[in-house]
Amino acid sequence: MKYPPIHYHDYLKLDQLLTANHPKSTEHGSPAHDEKLFITIHQIYELWFQQSLFELEKVQTLFRSEEH
């Protein structure tokens, strides 16, 4: 089966990803340099947490299937 080409930019939804942080300080007219770093780091933590839950669910499924 042949699949249509997948482009890195589209596959990772980079437009959405790279515009996902909205520092509040910028909205108030006084951008705080560290706020962007804070948002970025915590968004990454949330993605890793989501991945960890995904992996744990997979392991649970595998263990359940081996019990039967």
Protein backbone atom coordinates (compact mmCIF):
# COMPACT_ATOMS: atom_id res chain seq x y z
CA MET A 1 0.00 0.00 0.00
CA LYS A 2 1.39 3.38 -0.98
CA TYR A 3 0.80 6.32 1.30
CA PRO A 4 0.80 9.98 0.31
CA PRO A 5 3.95 11.90 1.23
CA ILE A 6 4.12 13.17 4.78
CA HIS A 7 6.02 16.35 5.41
CA TYR A 8 7.77 16.91 8.72
CA HIS A 9 6.24 20.35 9.22
CA ASP A 10 2.70 19.13 8.63
CA TYR A 11 3.09 15.82 10.46
CA LEU A 12 4.22 17.54 13.66
CA LYS A 13 1.74 20.40 13.24
CA LEU A 14 4.56 22.86 13.75
CA ASP A 15 2.39 25.91 13.08
CA GLN A 16 0.21 24.97 16.05
CA LEU A 17 3.10 23.84 18.21
CA LEU A 18 5.27 26.89 17.69
CA THR A 19 2.42 29.29 18.42
CA ALA A 20 1.20 27.44 21.52
CA ASN A 21 2.68 29.73 24.14
CA HIS A 22 1.09 33.04 24.90
CA PRO A 23 2.94 34.85 27.68
CA LYS A 24 0.61 36.96 29.78
CA SER A 25 3.30 39.58 30.30
CA THR A 26 3.30 40.27 26.54
CA GLU A 27 -0.47 40.76 26.61
CA HIS A 28 0.08 43.40 29.30
CA GLY A 29 2.73 45.22 27.25
CA SER A 30 5.75 44.26 29.35
CA PRO A 31 7.29 41.02 27.98
CA ALA A 32 9.19 39.00 30.59
CA HIS A 33 12.06 37.04 29.03
CA ASP A 34 11.85 34.12 31.50
CA GLU A 35 8.10 33.65 31.03
CA LYS A 36 8.53 32.12 27.57
CA LEU A 37 11.09 29.69 28.98
CA PHE A 38 8.72 28.81 31.85
CA ILE A 39 5.83 28.13 29.47
CA THR A 40 7.97 26.11 27.05
CA ILE A 41 9.48 23.91 29.77
CA HIS A 42 6.11 23.21 31.36
CA GLN A 43 4.49 22.42 28.01
CA ILE A 44 7.30 19.92 27.42
CA TYR A 45 6.70 18.39 30.88
CA GLU A 46 3.03 17.97 30.01
CA LEU A 47 3.90 16.23 26.72
CA TRP A 48 6.29 13.84 28.51
CA PHE A 49 3.63 13.15 31.13
CA GLN A 50 1.11 12.39 28.39
CA GLN A 51 3.65 10.05 26.74
CA SER A 52 4.29 8.29 30.07
CA LEU A 53 0.57 7.66 30.53
CA PHE A 54 0.34 6.36 26.97
CA GLU A 55 3.19 3.90 27.64
CA LEU A 56 1.69 2.76 30.96
CA GLU A 57 -1.63 2.07 29.28
CA LYS A 58 0.17 -0.01 26.65
CA VAL A 59 1.96 -2.02 29.33
CA GLN A 60 -1.33 -2.61 31.18
CA THR A 61 -2.93 -3.84 27.97
CA LEU A 62 -0.03 -6.21 27.31
CA PHE A 63 -0.14 -7.60 30.86
CA ARG A 64 -3.89 -8.15 30.66
CA SER A 65 -3.59 -9.99 27.37
CA GLU A 66 -0.93 -12.34 28.81
CA GLU A 67 -3.19 -13.27 31.74
CA HIS A 68 -5.72 -14.99 29.49
